[in-house]
């Protein structure tokens, strides 16, 4: 079971480079940074957990900037977006950011993606929440074209551009692994359609998740990697997830943890290895 760390990198939390160094000192395989470009003050869309939205959602650094600091401070661990909200991003610019970071990190990037949940946030980017999943697919397909073709072009309903030159290309071939978040009824179709791995959160019990993992792998005809996001750091739960066929788990570090508290939490997570 691979164990990773997830974090909201903020202007009030531990420095991304310092955190990455602590993660690399311990038996973790990856460090993931969350993304929200902003949070609308209207707050019409409730958080999926039903809780009051905590401050880290509106204080996050840009994930690619924060990950560049994490990459520069480490040599071994994978670095990843957890998740990048591609429905709020220009695909050409994002493709360049992904490829640049993958090259500069010597091929250690994991590209976690999602469609998001905050409808007001999407609308501020010109995204119709009702069309976000078809938009996400086209933007990912367009980025794949940019990463793998010398003269890339894409013609879809939402994304449309004639042949372009865009370097650098990612170091990982054909591109960094795409980890798709979400647990909705059609998420397996999306994983099979344009992702490489599944990273579910709020997935119910491990036993409920097991059936979906088996369906995913049966339909794919191969072992599709599954990494659960935001798992409670409990040994019994991690063991049950492993029995369900999960390949990895990530644990959220408290966003306001100082250096000492971060070390304490990381040691607690590492003890589950």
Protein backbone atom coordinates (compact mmCIF):
# COMPACT_ATOMS: atom_id res chain seq x y z
CA UNK A 1 0.00 0.00 0.00
CA UNK A 2 1.46 3.34 -1.08
CA UNK A 3 0.92 6.14 1.40
CA UNK A 4 0.87 9.81 0.42
CA UNK A 5 0.23 13.21 1.92
CA UNK A 6 -2.34 15.76 0.76
CA UNK A 7 -2.30 19.42 1.71
CA UNK A 8 -3.87 22.80 1.07
CA UNK A 9 -0.81 25.01 0.52
CA UNK A 10 -1.79 28.39 1.92
CA UNK A 11 -0.36 31.72 2.92
CA UNK A 12 -0.88 30.82 6.59
CA UNK A 13 0.42 27.23 6.53
CA UNK A 14 3.79 25.53 6.45
CA UNK A 15 6.04 26.43 3.52
CA UNK A 16 5.58 23.99 0.59
CA UNK A 17 9.31 23.34 0.25
CA UNK A 18 9.73 22.69 3.98
CA UNK A 19 6.76 20.31 3.96
CA UNK A 20 8.09 18.46 0.92
CA UNK A 21 11.41 17.90 2.67
CA UNK A 22 9.63 16.41 5.68
CA UNK A 23 7.56 14.15 3.46
CA UNK A 24 10.63 12.90 1.61
CA UNK A 25 12.32 12.02 4.91
CA UNK A 26 9.52 9.55 5.60
CA UNK A 27 8.23 6.49 3.70
CA UNK A 28 5.67 8.34 1.59
CA UNK A 29 5.45 8.00 -2.16
CA UNK A 30 3.87 11.38 -3.02
CA UNK A 31 2.78 14.82 -1.92
CA UNK A 32 -0.40 16.33 -3.40
CA UNK A 33 -1.51 19.96 -3.34
CA UNK A 34 -5.15 21.05 -3.65
CA UNK A 35 -6.47 23.87 -5.83
CA UNK A 36 -9.08 26.60 -5.63
CA UNK A 37 -8.49 29.79 -7.56
CA UNK A 38 -10.87 31.70 -5.28
CA UNK A 39 -14.07 31.25 -3.28
CA UNK A 40 -17.10 33.40 -4.16
CA UNK A 41 -18.51 35.18 -1.14
CA UNK A 42 -22.08 34.22 -2.07
CA UNK A 43 -21.54 30.66 -0.78
CA UNK A 44 -24.67 29.33 -2.48
CA UNK A 45 -23.10 25.92 -3.11
CA UNK A 46 -22.64 24.00 0.15
CA UNK A 47 -19.47 22.06 0.78
CA UNK A 48 -20.05 18.35 -0.01
CA UNK A 49 -19.34 17.45 3.61
CA UNK A 50 -22.08 19.81 4.78
CA UNK A 51 -19.62 21.60 7.04
CA UNK A 52 -18.83 25.30 7.13
CA UNK A 53 -16.21 26.01 4.48
CA UNK A 54 -12.83 26.37 6.23
CA UNK A 55 -10.46 29.25 5.39
CA UNK A 56 -7.87 27.23 3.47
CA UNK A 57 -10.20 27.04 0.46
CA UNK A 58 -9.85 30.76 -0.19
CA UNK A 59 -6.15 31.00 0.75
CA UNK A 60 -4.50 28.38 -1.48
CA UNK A 61 -1.38 29.08 -3.46
CA UNK A 62 -1.45 28.22 -7.14
CA UNK A 63 -0.71 24.47 -7.09
CA UNK A 64 1.88 24.50 -9.87
CA UNK A 65 3.84 27.31 -8.22
CA UNK A 66 3.72 25.52 -4.86
CA UNK A 67 4.65 22.19 -6.45
CA UNK A 68 7.64 23.77 -8.16
CA UNK A 69 9.01 24.67 -4.71
CA UNK A 70 8.27 21.13 -3.49
CA UNK A 71 10.02 19.63 -6.52
CA UNK A 72 13.11 21.79 -6.03
CA UNK A 73 13.38 20.68 -2.39
CA UNK A 74 13.15 16.94 -3.10
CA UNK A 75 14.59 14.19 -5.27
CA UNK A 76 12.51 11.04 -4.70
CA UNK A 77 8.84 11.65 -3.96
CA UNK A 78 6.22 12.15 -6.61
CA UNK A 79 4.50 15.53 -6.61
CA UNK A 80 0.92 15.95 -7.70
CA UNK A 81 -2.16 18.08 -8.02
CA UNK A 82 -4.92 16.86 -5.79
CA UNK A 83 -6.87 17.95 -7.72
CA UNK A 84 -6.37 20.47 -10.52
CA UNK A 85 -9.70 22.02 -11.48
CA UNK A 86 -9.27 21.82 -15.24
CA UNK A 87 -12.77 23.19 -15.86
CA UNK A 88 -11.47 26.52 -14.53
CA UNK A 89 -8.26 26.54 -16.59
CA UNK A 90 -7.14 27.29 -20.12
CA UNK A 91 -5.99 23.94 -21.55
CA UNK A 92 -3.05 25.32 -23.57
CA UNK A 93 -1.60 27.19 -20.59
CA UNK A 94 -2.22 24.23 -18.27
CA UNK A 95 -0.62 21.80 -20.72
CA UNK A 96 2.52 23.93 -20.69
CA UNK A 97 2.54 24.15 -16.88
CA UNK A 98 2.18 20.38 -16.55
CA UNK A 99 4.88 19.63 -19.11
CA UNK A 100 7.27 22.22 -17.65
CA UNK A 101 6.87 20.92 -14.10
CA UNK A 102 7.21 17.31 -15.22
CA UNK A 103 10.50 18.12 -16.97
CA UNK A 104 11.89 20.26 -14.18
CA UNK A 105 11.00 17.61 -11.56
CA UNK A 106 12.67 14.91 -13.68
CA UNK A 107 9.43 13.11 -14.41
CA UNK A 108 7.88 13.03 -10.95
CA UNK A 109 4.55 14.76 -11.63
CA UNK A 110 1.16 13.13 -11.02
CA UNK A 111 -1.65 15.08 -12.67
CA UNK A 112 -4.70 14.73 -10.47
CA UNK A 113 -7.80 16.31 -12.00
CA UNK A 114 -11.41 16.98 -11.10
CA UNK A 115 -14.47 18.93 -12.21
CA UNK A 116 -15.02 20.54 -8.83
CA UNK A 117 -18.11 21.11 -6.72
CA UNK A 118 -18.36 24.89 -6.23
CA UNK A 119 -20.74 26.09 -8.91
CA UNK A 120 -20.22 29.81 -8.27
CA UNK A 121 -16.47 29.33 -8.61
CA UNK A 122 -16.94 27.64 -11.99
CA UNK A 123 -19.29 30.33 -13.25
CA UNK A 124 -16.72 33.02 -12.45
CA UNK A 125 -14.44 31.25 -14.93
CA UNK A 126 -17.16 31.18 -17.59
CA UNK A 127 -17.95 27.52 -17.03
CA UNK A 128 -21.53 26.28 -17.07
CA UNK A 129 -21.66 23.79 -14.15
CA UNK A 130 -24.11 21.63 -16.10
CA UNK A 131 -21.50 21.12 -18.84
CA UNK A 132 -18.42 20.75 -16.66
CA UNK A 133 -17.86 17.06 -17.27
CA UNK A 134 -17.94 17.29 -21.04
CA UNK A 135 -15.71 20.36 -20.77
CA UNK A 136 -13.25 18.48 -18.56
CA UNK A 137 -13.03 15.65 -21.04
CA UNK A 138 -12.32 17.94 -23.98
CA UNK A 139 -9.70 19.94 -22.10
CA UNK A 140 -7.90 16.76 -21.05
CA UNK A 141 -8.05 15.37 -24.59
CA UNK A 142 -6.69 18.68 -25.92
CA UNK A 143 -3.83 18.64 -23.42
CA UNK A 144 -2.97 15.08 -24.40
CA UNK A 145 -2.74 16.21 -28.00
CA UNK A 146 -0.40 19.05 -27.03
CA UNK A 147 1.80 16.73 -24.97
CA UNK A 148 2.12 14.02 -27.60
CA UNK A 149 2.05 15.79 -30.99
CA UNK A 150 4.59 18.14 -32.54
CA UNK A 151 1.82 20.01 -34.32
CA UNK A 152 -1.18 19.58 -32.06
CA UNK A 153 -4.73 20.49 -32.93
CA UNK A 154 -8.09 19.84 -31.32
CA UNK A 155 -11.61 20.46 -32.52
CA UNK A 156 -14.43 19.95 -30.06
CA UNK A 157 -17.57 21.62 -28.81
CA UNK A 158 -15.80 23.43 -25.96
CA UNK A 159 -12.15 23.45 -27.06
CA UNK A 160 -11.14 24.31 -30.60
CA UNK A 161 -7.72 25.22 -32.00
CA UNK A 162 -5.85 24.68 -35.24
CA UNK A 163 -2.32 23.19 -35.32
CA UNK A 164 0.05 24.73 -32.78
CA UNK A 165 3.66 24.35 -31.65
CA UNK A 166 3.99 24.04 -27.91
CA UNK A 167 7.05 22.87 -26.01
CA UNK A 168 8.33 21.52 -23.71
CA UNK A 169 6.81 18.08 -23.91
CA UNK A 170 6.51 16.08 -20.67
CA UNK A 171 9.42 13.87 -19.67
CA UNK A 172 7.06 11.02 -18.79
CA UNK A 173 5.69 9.28 -21.87
CA UNK A 174 3.16 9.67 -23.26
CA UNK A 175 2.41 12.16 -20.44
CA UNK A 176 2.23 12.26 -16.62
CA UNK A 177 -0.33 9.85 -15.16
CA UNK A 178 -3.80 11.40 -15.03
CA UNK A 179 -5.58 10.65 -11.77
CA UNK A 180 -9.30 11.35 -11.94
CA UNK A 181 -11.18 12.28 -8.79
CA UNK A 182 -14.83 11.86 -7.96
CA UNK A 183 -17.23 9.12 -6.94
CA UNK A 184 -20.36 9.90 -8.96
CA UNK A 185 -22.35 7.30 -10.91
CA UNK A 186 -20.45 7.97 -14.17
CA UNK A 187 -16.94 8.33 -12.76
CA UNK A 188 -15.82 4.91 -13.96
CA UNK A 189 -16.77 5.84 -17.52
CA UNK A 190 -14.61 8.94 -17.19
CA UNK A 191 -11.64 7.03 -15.79
CA UNK A 192 -11.84 4.53 -18.63
CA UNK A 193 -12.37 7.29 -21.18
CA UNK A 194 -9.41 9.59 -20.54
CA UNK A 195 -7.60 8.90 -17.24
CA UNK A 196 -4.96 6.47 -16.03
CA UNK A 197 -5.89 6.11 -12.36
CA UNK A 198 -8.87 6.68 -10.09
CA UNK A 199 -8.56 8.73 -6.90
CA UNK A 200 -11.93 8.55 -5.12
CA UNK A 201 -12.91 10.45 -1.99
CA UNK A 202 -16.11 10.17 0.06
CA UNK A 203 -16.43 6.65 -1.27
CA UNK A 204 -18.52 5.04 1.46
CA UNK A 205 -17.20 1.87 3.07
CA UNK A 206 -14.22 -0.09 1.73
CA UNK A 207 -16.58 -2.96 1.03
CA UNK A 208 -18.77 -0.72 -1.14
CA UNK A 209 -15.71 0.59 -2.92
CA UNK A 210 -14.45 -2.92 -3.65
CA UNK A 211 -17.28 -3.64 -6.06
CA UNK A 212 -16.60 -0.49 -8.06
CA UNK A 213 -12.88 -1.26 -8.22
CA UNK A 214 -13.59 -4.74 -9.51
CA UNK A 215 -15.98 -3.35 -12.12
CA UNK A 216 -13.42 -0.76 -13.21
CA UNK A 217 -10.65 -3.30 -13.68
CA UNK A 218 -12.91 -5.83 -15.37
CA UNK A 219 -14.10 -3.25 -17.87
CA UNK A 220 -10.57 -2.00 -18.46
CA UNK A 221 -9.12 -5.46 -18.91
CA UNK A 222 -6.13 -4.42 -16.81
CA UNK A 223 -5.14 -3.38 -13.31
CA UNK A 224 -6.24 0.25 -13.02
CA UNK A 225 -4.48 1.87 -10.11
CA UNK A 226 -6.78 3.25 -7.37
CA UNK A 227 -5.55 5.72 -4.74
CA UNK A 228 -8.09 6.89 -2.16
CA UNK A 229 -7.88 10.56 -1.26
CA UNK A 230 -8.35 12.09 2.17
CA UNK A 231 -8.41 8.83 4.13
CA UNK A 232 -8.71 8.96 7.90
CA UNK A 233 -5.35 7.77 9.32
CA UNK A 234 -6.65 4.64 11.01
CA UNK A 235 -4.84 1.31 10.66
CA UNK A 236 -8.03 -0.76 10.45
CA UNK A 237 -9.44 1.45 7.69
CA UNK A 238 -6.20 1.33 5.68
CA UNK A 239 -6.14 -2.47 6.01
CA UNK A 240 -9.76 -2.75 4.85
CA UNK A 241 -9.01 -0.54 1.86
CA UNK A 242 -6.04 -2.68 0.95
CA UNK A 243 -8.25 -5.77 1.12
CA UNK A 244 -10.72 -3.98 -1.17
CA UNK A 245 -8.01 -3.65 -3.83
CA UNK A 246 -6.86 -0.08 -3.19
CA UNK A 247 -3.26 0.61 -4.22
CA UNK A 248 -2.67 3.71 -2.13
CA UNK A 249 -4.09 6.21 0.35
CA UNK A 250 -3.43 9.87 0.98
CA UNK A 251 -3.89 11.60 4.32
CA UNK A 252 -4.62 15.31 4.74
CA UNK A 253 -2.20 17.31 6.84
CA UNK A 254 -3.85 20.10 8.85
CA UNK A 255 -3.57 23.30 6.80
CA UNK A 256 -2.60 25.43 9.81
CA UNK A 257 0.02 23.03 11.19
CA UNK A 258 3.34 24.60 12.13
CA UNK A 259 6.61 22.74 11.63
CA UNK A 260 6.40 20.76 14.86
CA UNK A 261 2.75 19.80 14.38
CA UNK A 262 3.43 18.84 10.77
CA UNK A 263 6.19 16.49 11.88
CA UNK A 264 3.92 14.95 14.50
CA UNK A 265 1.12 14.32 12.02
CA UNK A 266 3.47 12.98 9.37
CA UNK A 267 4.95 10.54 11.86
CA UNK A 268 1.43 9.39 12.72
CA UNK A 269 0.70 8.81 9.03
CA UNK A 270 4.04 7.08 8.43
CA UNK A 271 3.39 4.63 11.27
CA UNK A 272 0.64 3.12 9.10
CA UNK A 273 3.17 1.99 6.47
